[in-house]
Amino acid sequence: MTDVEILNIAGKALLLAAKLAAPMLITALVIGFAVSLLQALTQVQDSTLAFVPKIIAVGIALLICGNWMISELVNFTKELFTLVPMLLGQG
């Protein structure tokens, strides 16, 4: 297996990690922005007010996207297992 193939696998792994993290990160970003806007409008500055809605929203996003995330991980793992003979020099 050459350096290019290893870098290709690493790039796919990084892209998969970004795809899997995106639903939670975008949800936390949107909820955080909405809560910050609400705090600015009402002048209520409570740190727990920003934390609790984000945790709840990220949990809901994880419940909604969890099945897709697991299937993406399983597909990537199957793809890596098909490359094992090539890694060992038997492919």
Protein backbone atom coordinates (compact mmCIF):
# COMPACT_ATOMS: atom_id res chain seq x y z
CA MET A 1 0.00 0.00 0.00
CA THR A 2 1.44 3.34 -1.03
CA ASP A 3 1.54 6.65 0.78
CA VAL A 4 -1.12 8.04 -1.54
CA GLU A 5 -3.57 5.28 -0.63
CA ILE A 6 -2.95 5.81 3.09
CA LEU A 7 -3.51 9.55 2.71
CA ASN A 8 -6.70 8.80 0.77
CA ILE A 9 -8.01 6.65 3.64
CA ALA A 10 -7.05 9.31 6.18
CA GLY A 11 -8.84 11.97 4.11
CA LYS A 12 -11.96 9.82 3.93
CA ALA A 13 -11.81 9.30 7.71
CA LEU A 14 -11.53 13.05 8.35
CA LEU A 15 -14.39 13.77 5.96
CA LEU A 16 -16.52 11.14 7.69
CA ALA A 17 -15.72 12.64 11.10
CA ALA A 18 -16.78 16.08 9.84
CA LYS A 19 -20.00 14.67 8.36
CA LEU A 20 -20.85 12.87 11.59
CA ALA A 21 -20.15 15.88 13.80
CA ALA A 22 -22.00 18.37 11.60
CA PRO A 23 -25.59 17.75 12.80
CA MET A 24 -24.68 18.25 16.46
CA LEU A 25 -22.40 21.23 15.81
CA ILE A 26 -24.90 23.02 13.58
CA THR A 27 -27.70 22.37 16.08
CA ALA A 28 -25.61 23.74 18.94
CA LEU A 29 -24.65 26.76 16.83
CA VAL A 30 -28.24 27.61 15.90
CA ILE A 31 -29.60 27.10 19.43
CA GLY A 32 -26.69 29.04 20.93
CA PHE A 33 -27.31 31.93 18.56
CA ALA A 34 -31.06 31.94 19.32
CA VAL A 35 -30.49 31.86 23.09
CA SER A 36 -27.85 34.61 22.84
CA LEU A 37 -30.23 36.74 20.82
CA LEU A 38 -32.97 36.13 23.40
CA GLN A 39 -30.59 37.04 26.22
CA ALA A 40 -29.55 40.22 24.44
CA LEU A 41 -33.16 41.25 23.85
CA THR A 42 -34.31 40.55 27.41
CA GLN A 43 -31.02 41.49 29.13
CA VAL A 44 -31.11 38.24 31.12
CA GLN A 45 -27.53 37.05 31.56
CA ASP A 46 -27.70 33.57 33.05
CA SER A 47 -25.08 31.01 32.02
CA THR A 48 -27.37 28.00 32.54
CA LEU A 49 -29.90 29.53 30.16
CA ALA A 50 -27.42 29.05 27.33
CA PHE A 51 -26.27 25.58 28.40
CA VAL A 52 -29.46 23.60 29.01
CA PRO A 53 -31.23 24.26 25.66
CA LYS A 54 -28.07 23.33 23.76
CA ILE A 55 -27.76 20.01 25.60
CA ILE A 56 -31.41 19.18 24.95
CA ALA A 57 -31.20 20.17 21.27
CA VAL A 58 -27.99 18.22 20.69
CA GLY A 59 -29.57 15.17 22.34
CA ILE A 60 -32.58 15.45 20.03
CA ALA A 61 -30.29 15.86 17.01
CA LEU A 62 -28.39 12.75 18.10
CA LEU A 63 -31.64 10.79 18.38
CA ILE A 64 -32.74 11.93 14.92
CA CYS A 65 -29.41 11.43 13.15
CA GLY A 66 -28.09 8.48 15.18
CA ASN A 67 -29.27 5.80 12.75
CA TRP A 68 -27.68 7.58 9.80
CA MET A 69 -24.45 8.10 11.74
CA ILE A 70 -24.15 4.44 12.65
CA SER A 71 -24.85 3.32 9.08
CA GLU A 72 -22.15 5.68 7.78
CA LEU A 73 -19.66 4.30 10.31
CA VAL A 74 -20.55 0.70 9.44
CA ASN A 75 -20.16 1.39 5.70
CA PHE A 76 -16.76 3.01 6.26
CA THR A 77 -15.65 0.10 8.45
CA LYS A 78 -16.75 -2.42 5.81
CA GLU A 79 -14.79 -0.47 3.21
CA LEU A 80 -11.70 -0.59 5.42
CA PHE A 81 -12.09 -4.33 5.97
CA THR A 82 -12.12 -4.86 2.21
CA LEU A 83 -8.76 -3.07 2.08
CA VAL A 84 -7.11 -5.36 4.70
CA PRO A 85 -5.71 -7.83 2.13
CA MET A 86 -4.13 -4.91 0.27
CA LEU A 87 -2.65 -3.61 3.52
CA LEU A 88 -1.07 -6.97 4.20
CA GLY A 89 0.33 -7.18 0.68
CA GLN A 90 -1.90 -10.06 -0.38
CA GLY A 91 -4.24 -8.07 -2.64
